[in-house]
């Protein structure tokens, strides 16, 4: 579970960086909409910075305590 949460957090950070650059190809419907309409991408492409650490603040400590 810890690996899944850490992987998801990394993907969110990657998506955020790509969206800041205007690249939304990882969001297929949004990309298709922006490609087919006359919309200013800079106004649409803003990602909410969800702080997942507030929910998983101790994920590293818990993952170290798991016995394999």
PDB file of N, CA and C in Angstrom:
ATOM      1  N   UNK A   1       0.819  -1.184   0.000  1.00  0.00           N
ATOM      2  CA  UNK A   1       0.000   0.000   0.000  1.00  0.00           C
ATOM      3  C   UNK A   1       0.870   1.258   0.000  1.00  0.00           C
ATOM      4  N   UNK A   2       1.937   1.230   0.773  1.00  0.00           N
ATOM      5  CA  UNK A   2       2.813   2.406   0.858  1.00  0.00           C
ATOM      6  C   UNK A   2       3.418   2.742  -0.498  1.00  0.00           C
ATOM      7  N   UNK A   3       3.813   1.715  -1.236  1.00  0.00           N
ATOM      8  CA  UNK A   3       4.365   1.946  -2.565  1.00  0.00           C
ATOM      9  C   UNK A   3       3.331   2.565  -3.495  1.00  0.00           C
ATOM     10  N   UNK A   4       2.090   2.129  -3.390  1.00  0.00           N
ATOM     11  CA  UNK A   4       1.021   2.676  -4.220  1.00  0.00           C
ATOM     12  C   UNK A   4       0.790   4.155  -3.918  1.00  0.00           C
ATOM     13  N   UNK A   5       0.750   4.502  -2.641  1.00  0.00           N
ATOM     14  CA  UNK A   5       0.542   5.899  -2.246  1.00  0.00           C
ATOM     15  C   UNK A   5       1.710   6.753  -2.713  1.00  0.00           C
ATOM     16  N   UNK A   6       2.936   6.290  -2.496  1.00  0.00           N
ATOM     17  CA  UNK A   6       4.104   7.053  -2.938  1.00  0.00           C
ATOM     18  C   UNK A   6       4.122   7.208  -4.452  1.00  0.00           C
ATOM     19  N   UNK A   7       3.754   6.164  -5.171  1.00  0.00           N
ATOM     20  CA  UNK A   7       3.689   6.238  -6.626  1.00  0.00           C
ATOM     21  C   UNK A   7       2.652   7.243  -7.089  1.00  0.00           C
ATOM     22  N   UNK A   8       1.498   7.252  -6.428  1.00  0.00           N
ATOM     23  CA  UNK A   8       0.450   8.199  -6.791  1.00  0.00           C
ATOM     24  C   UNK A   8       0.896   9.636  -6.543  1.00  0.00           C
ATOM     25  N   UNK A   9       1.549   9.886  -5.424  1.00  0.00           N
ATOM     26  CA  UNK A   9       2.039  11.233  -5.116  1.00  0.00           C
ATOM     27  C   UNK A   9       3.037  11.685  -6.172  1.00  0.00           C
ATOM     28  N   UNK A  10       3.907  10.797  -6.622  1.00  0.00           N
ATOM     29  CA  UNK A  10       4.873  11.144  -7.674  1.00  0.00           C
ATOM     30  C   UNK A  10       4.170  11.453  -8.988  1.00  0.00           C
ATOM     31  N   UNK A  11       3.124  10.684  -9.321  1.00  0.00           N
ATOM     32  CA  UNK A  11       2.378  10.948 -10.554  1.00  0.00           C
ATOM     33  C   UNK A  11       1.684  12.305 -10.495  1.00  0.00           C
ATOM     34  N   UNK A  12       1.107  12.643  -9.352  1.00  0.00           N
ATOM     35  CA  UNK A  12       0.435  13.938  -9.202  1.00  0.00           C
ATOM     36  C   UNK A  12       1.437  15.071  -9.403  1.00  0.00           C
ATOM     37  N   UNK A  13       2.633  14.938  -8.842  1.00  0.00           N
ATOM     38  CA  UNK A  13       3.661  15.973  -9.009  1.00  0.00           C
ATOM     39  C   UNK A  13       4.090  16.080 -10.468  1.00  0.00           C
ATOM     40  N   UNK A  14       4.194  14.949 -11.162  1.00  0.00           N
ATOM     41  CA  UNK A  14       4.533  14.964 -12.579  1.00  0.00           C
ATOM     42  C   UNK A  14       3.438  15.658 -13.382  1.00  0.00           C
ATOM     43  N   UNK A  15       2.174  15.314 -13.116  1.00  0.00           N
ATOM     44  CA  UNK A  15       1.059  15.944 -13.819  1.00  0.00           C
ATOM     45  C   UNK A  15       1.049  17.440 -13.566  1.00  0.00           C
ATOM     46  N   UNK A  16       1.337  17.836 -12.344  1.00  0.00           N
ATOM     47  CA  UNK A  16       1.341  19.257 -12.005  1.00  0.00           C
ATOM     48  C   UNK A  16       2.411  19.998 -12.799  1.00  0.00           C
ATOM     49  N   UNK A  17       3.616  19.426 -12.874  1.00  0.00           N
ATOM     50  CA  UNK A  17       4.697  20.063 -13.647  1.00  0.00           C
ATOM     51  C   UNK A  17       4.343  20.157 -15.124  1.00  0.00           C
ATOM     52  N   UNK A  18       3.785  19.082 -15.667  1.00  0.00           N
ATOM     53  CA  UNK A  18       3.425  19.080 -17.080  1.00  0.00           C
ATOM     54  C   UNK A  18       2.324  20.090 -17.361  1.00  0.00           C
ATOM     55  N   UNK A  19       1.348  20.206 -16.474  1.00  0.00           N
ATOM     56  CA  UNK A  19       0.259  21.157 -16.666  1.00  0.00           C
ATOM     57  C   UNK A  19       0.764  22.598 -16.586  1.00  0.00           C
ATOM     58  N   UNK A  20       1.733  22.838 -15.726  1.00  0.00           N
ATOM     59  CA  UNK A  20       2.327  24.174 -15.642  1.00  0.00           C
ATOM     60  C   UNK A  20       2.976  24.567 -16.966  1.00  0.00           C
ATOM     61  N   UNK A  21       3.473  23.560 -17.701  1.00  0.00           N
ATOM     62  CA  UNK A  21       4.078  23.797 -19.012  1.00  0.00           C
ATOM     63  C   UNK A  21       3.041  23.814 -20.131  1.00  0.00           C
ATOM     64  N   UNK A  22       1.776  23.590 -19.780  1.00  0.00           N
ATOM     65  CA  UNK A  22       0.709  23.593 -20.774  1.00  0.00           C
ATOM     66  C   UNK A  22       0.482  22.252 -21.442  1.00  0.00           C
ATOM     67  N   UNK A  23       1.167  21.224 -21.008  1.00  0.00           N
ATOM     68  CA  UNK A  23       1.016  19.895 -21.598  1.00  0.00           C
ATOM     69  C   UNK A  23      -0.030  19.114 -20.817  1.00  0.00           C
ATOM     70  N   UNK A  24      -1.163  18.851 -21.449  1.00  0.00           N
ATOM     71  CA  UNK A  24      -2.240  18.130 -20.770  1.00  0.00           C
ATOM     72  C   UNK A  24      -2.560  16.812 -21.463  1.00  0.00           C
ATOM     73  N   UNK A  25      -1.619  16.258 -22.192  1.00  0.00           N
ATOM     74  CA  UNK A  25      -1.873  15.017 -22.930  1.00  0.00           C
ATOM     75  C   UNK A  25      -2.186  13.840 -22.007  1.00  0.00           C
ATOM     76  N   UNK A  26      -1.819  13.914 -20.748  1.00  0.00           N
ATOM     77  CA  UNK A  26      -2.134  12.830 -19.812  1.00  0.00           C
ATOM     78  C   UNK A  26      -3.611  12.866 -19.403  1.00  0.00           C
ATOM     79  N   UNK A  27      -4.301  13.948 -19.710  1.00  0.00           N
ATOM     80  CA  UNK A  27      -5.738  14.071 -19.470  1.00  0.00           C
ATOM     81  C   UNK A  27      -6.417  14.103 -20.832  1.00  0.00           C
ATOM     82  N   UNK A  28      -6.785  12.940 -21.331  1.00  0.00           N
ATOM     83  CA  UNK A  28      -7.230  12.789 -22.711  1.00  0.00           C
ATOM     84  C   UNK A  28      -8.440  13.648 -23.064  1.00  0.00           C
ATOM     85  N   UNK A  29      -9.451  13.671 -22.232  1.00  0.00           N
ATOM     86  CA  UNK A  29     -10.646  14.454 -22.542  1.00  0.00           C
ATOM     87  C   UNK A  29     -10.361  15.950 -22.518  1.00  0.00           C
ATOM     88  N   UNK A  30      -9.605  16.407 -21.554  1.00  0.00           N
ATOM     89  CA  UNK A  30      -9.245  17.820 -21.489  1.00  0.00           C
ATOM     90  C   UNK A  30      -8.404  18.218 -22.697  1.00  0.00           C
ATOM     91  N   UNK A  31      -7.453  17.381 -23.062  1.00  0.00           N
ATOM     92  CA  UNK A  31      -6.604  17.658 -24.218  1.00  0.00           C
ATOM     93  C   UNK A  31      -7.438  17.732 -25.494  1.00  0.00           C
ATOM     94  N   UNK A  32      -8.354  16.796 -25.664  1.00  0.00           N
ATOM     95  CA  UNK A  32      -9.221  16.800 -26.851  1.00  0.00           C
ATOM     96  C   UNK A  32     -10.085  18.057 -26.882  1.00  0.00           C
ATOM     97  N   UNK A  33     -10.612  18.443 -25.746  1.00  0.00           N
ATOM     98  CA  UNK A  33     -11.450  19.643 -25.684  1.00  0.00           C
ATOM     99  C   UNK A  33     -10.643  20.897 -26.018  1.00  0.00           C
ATOM    100  N   UNK A  34      -9.467  21.019 -25.449  1.00  0.00           N
ATOM    101  CA  UNK A  34      -8.650  22.202 -25.700  1.00  0.00           C
ATOM    102  C   UNK A  34      -8.155  22.246 -27.139  1.00  0.00           C
ATOM    103  N   UNK A  35      -8.004  21.086 -27.760  1.00  0.00           N
ATOM    104  CA  UNK A  35      -7.544  21.024 -29.145  1.00  0.00           C
ATOM    105  C   UNK A  35      -8.649  21.440 -30.111  1.00  0.00           C
ATOM    106  N   UNK A  36      -9.890  21.134 -29.768  1.00  0.00           N
ATOM    107  CA  UNK A  36     -10.996  21.381 -30.691  1.00  0.00           C
ATOM    108  C   UNK A  36     -11.757  22.666 -30.415  1.00  0.00           C
ATOM    109  N   UNK A  37     -11.405  23.395 -29.379  1.00  0.00           N
ATOM    110  CA  UNK A  37     -12.108  24.642 -29.071  1.00  0.00           C
ATOM    111  C   UNK A  37     -11.127  25.796 -29.020  1.00  0.00           C
ATOM    112  N   UNK A  38     -11.660  26.982 -29.151  1.00  0.00           N
ATOM    113  CA  UNK A  38     -10.834  28.189 -29.100  1.00  0.00           C
ATOM    114  C   UNK A  38     -10.829  28.726 -27.664  1.00  0.00           C
ATOM    115  N   UNK A  39     -10.015  28.096 -26.842  1.00  0.00           N
ATOM    116  CA  UNK A  39      -9.934  28.441 -25.421  1.00  0.00           C
ATOM    117  C   UNK A  39      -8.484  28.754 -25.081  1.00  0.00           C
ATOM    118  N   UNK A  40      -8.294  29.765 -24.238  1.00  0.00           N
ATOM    119  CA  UNK A  40      -6.949  30.114 -23.785  1.00  0.00           C
ATOM    120  C   UNK A  40      -6.479  29.047 -22.801  1.00  0.00           C
ATOM    121  N   UNK A  41      -5.497  28.235 -23.220  1.00  0.00           N
ATOM    122  CA  UNK A  41      -4.992  27.144 -22.373  1.00  0.00           C
ATOM    123  C   UNK A  41      -4.500  27.625 -21.019  1.00  0.00           C
ATOM    124  N   UNK A  42      -3.888  28.794 -20.973  1.00  0.00           N
ATOM    125  CA  UNK A  42      -3.318  29.262 -19.713  1.00  0.00           C
ATOM    126  C   UNK A  42      -4.385  29.492 -18.653  1.00  0.00           C
ATOM    127  N   UNK A  43      -5.609  29.780 -19.090  1.00  0.00           N
ATOM    128  CA  UNK A  43      -6.691  29.977 -18.120  1.00  0.00           C
ATOM    129  C   UNK A  43      -7.291  28.656 -17.664  1.00  0.00           C
ATOM    130  N   UNK A  44      -7.266  27.673 -18.543  1.00  0.00           N
ATOM    131  CA  UNK A  44      -7.894  26.388 -18.239  1.00  0.00           C
ATOM    132  C   UNK A  44      -6.960  25.463 -17.495  1.00  0.00           C
ATOM    133  N   UNK A  45      -5.693  25.485 -17.852  1.00  0.00           N
ATOM    134  CA  UNK A  45      -4.732  24.525 -17.311  1.00  0.00           C
ATOM    135  C   UNK A  45      -4.167  25.037 -15.995  1.00  0.00           C
ATOM    136  N   UNK A  46      -4.956  24.858 -14.958  1.00  0.00           N
ATOM    137  CA  UNK A  46      -4.510  25.166 -13.596  1.00  0.00           C
ATOM    138  C   UNK A  46      -4.897  23.990 -12.733  1.00  0.00           C
ATOM    139  N   UNK A  47      -3.916  23.429 -12.095  1.00  0.00           N
ATOM    140  CA  UNK A  47      -4.185  22.245 -11.279  1.00  0.00           C
ATOM    141  C   UNK A  47      -4.239  22.645  -9.815  1.00  0.00           C
ATOM    142  N   UNK A  48      -5.205  22.108  -9.138  1.00  0.00           N
ATOM    143  CA  UNK A  48      -5.317  22.355  -7.701  1.00  0.00           C
ATOM    144  C   UNK A  48      -4.201  21.600  -7.005  1.00  0.00           C
ATOM    145  N   UNK A  49      -3.478  22.316  -6.171  1.00  0.00           N
ATOM    146  CA  UNK A  49      -2.374  21.696  -5.455  1.00  0.00           C
ATOM    147  C   UNK A  49      -2.925  20.982  -4.222  1.00  0.00           C
ATOM    148  N   UNK A  50      -3.280  19.724  -4.412  1.00  0.00           N
ATOM    149  CA  UNK A  50      -3.809  18.927  -3.307  1.00  0.00           C
ATOM    150  C   UNK A  50      -2.639  18.434  -2.472  1.00  0.00           C
ATOM    151  N   UNK A  51      -2.685  18.713  -1.202  1.00  0.00           N
ATOM    152  CA  UNK A  51      -1.605  18.314  -0.313  1.00  0.00           C
ATOM    153  C   UNK A  51      -1.923  16.946   0.272  1.00  0.00           C
ATOM    154  N   UNK A  52      -1.455  15.902  -0.421  1.00  0.00           N
ATOM    155  CA  UNK A  52      -1.722  14.548   0.034  1.00  0.00           C
ATOM    156  C   UNK A  52      -0.957  14.223   1.303  1.00  0.00           C
ATOM    157  N   UNK A  53       0.051  15.009   1.621  1.00  0.00           N
ATOM    158  CA  UNK A  53       0.812  14.760   2.840  1.00  0.00           C
ATOM    159  C   UNK A  53      -0.037  14.926   4.090  1.00  0.00           C
ATOM    160  N   UNK A  54      -1.087  15.724   4.009  1.00  0.00           N
ATOM    161  CA  UNK A  54      -1.941  15.871   5.188  1.00  0.00           C
ATOM    162  C   UNK A  54      -2.679  14.569   5.505  1.00  0.00           C
ATOM    163  N   UNK A  55      -2.889  13.742   4.490  1.00  0.00           N
ATOM    164  CA  UNK A  55      -3.542  12.463   4.707  1.00  0.00           C
ATOM    165  C   UNK A  55      -2.542  11.340   4.971  1.00  0.00           C
ATOM    166  N   UNK A  56      -1.368  11.457   4.377  1.00  0.00           N
ATOM    167  CA  UNK A  56      -0.363  10.403   4.469  1.00  0.00           C
ATOM    168  C   UNK A  56       0.946  10.954   5.030  1.00  0.00           C
ATOM    169  N   UNK A  57       0.859  11.786   6.046  1.00  0.00           N
ATOM    170  CA  UNK A  57       2.044  12.465   6.584  1.00  0.00           C
ATOM    171  C   UNK A  57       3.053  11.489   7.197  1.00  0.00           C
ATOM    172  N   UNK A  58       2.598  10.328   7.620  1.00  0.00           N
ATOM    173  CA  UNK A  58       3.508   9.385   8.267  1.00  0.00           C
ATOM    174  C   UNK A  58       3.731   8.127   7.422  1.00  0.00           C
ATOM    175  N   UNK A  59       3.545   8.234   6.119  1.00  0.00           N
ATOM    176  CA  UNK A  59       3.655   7.069   5.242  1.00  0.00           C
ATOM    177  C   UNK A  59       5.065   6.471   5.265  1.00  0.00           C
ATOM    178  N   UNK A  60       6.077   7.314   5.316  1.00  0.00           N
ATOM    179  CA  UNK A  60       7.462   6.813   5.328  1.00  0.00           C
ATOM    180  C   UNK A  60       7.750   6.056   6.620  1.00  0.00           C
ATOM    181  N   UNK A  61       7.336   6.604   7.735  1.00  0.00           N
ATOM    182  CA  UNK A  61       7.579   5.948   9.028  1.00  0.00           C
ATOM    183  C   UNK A  61       6.841   4.618   9.099  1.00  0.00           C
ATOM    184  N   UNK A  62       5.621   4.589   8.621  1.00  0.00           N
ATOM    185  CA  UNK A  62       4.840   3.348   8.660  1.00  0.00           C
ATOM    186  C   UNK A  62       5.425   2.308   7.725  1.00  0.00           C
ATOM    187  N   UNK A  63       5.916   2.717   6.574  1.00  0.00           N
ATOM    188  CA  UNK A  63       6.463   1.743   5.632  1.00  0.00           C
ATOM    189  C   UNK A  63       7.762   1.137   6.162  1.00  0.00           C
ATOM    190  N   UNK A  64       8.505   1.875   6.969  1.00  0.00           N
ATOM    191  CA  UNK A  64       9.730   1.336   7.558  1.00  0.00           C
ATOM    192  C   UNK A  64       9.439   0.288   8.627  1.00  0.00           C
ATOM    193  N   UNK A  65       8.280   0.374   9.257  1.00  0.00           N
ATOM    194  CA  UNK A  65       7.914  -0.549  10.332  1.00  0.00           C
ATOM    195  C   UNK A  65       7.262  -1.832   9.844  1.00  0.00           C
ATOM    196  N   UNK A  66       7.004  -1.917   8.558  1.00  0.00           N
ATOM    197  CA  UNK A  66       6.359  -3.119   8.017  1.00  0.00           C
ATOM    198  C   UNK A  66       7.382  -4.237   7.910  1.00  0.00           C
ATOM    199  N   UNK A  67       7.026  -5.365   8.452  1.00  0.00           N
ATOM    200  CA  UNK A  67       7.903  -6.530   8.349  1.00  0.00           C
ATOM    201  C   UNK A  67       7.530  -7.298   7.101  1.00  0.00           C
ATOM    202  N   UNK A  68       8.515  -7.614   6.291  1.00  0.00           N
ATOM    203  CA  UNK A  68       8.265  -8.368   5.060  1.00  0.00           C
ATOM    204  C   UNK A  68       8.360  -9.838   5.286  1.00  0.00           C
TER     205      UNK A  68
END
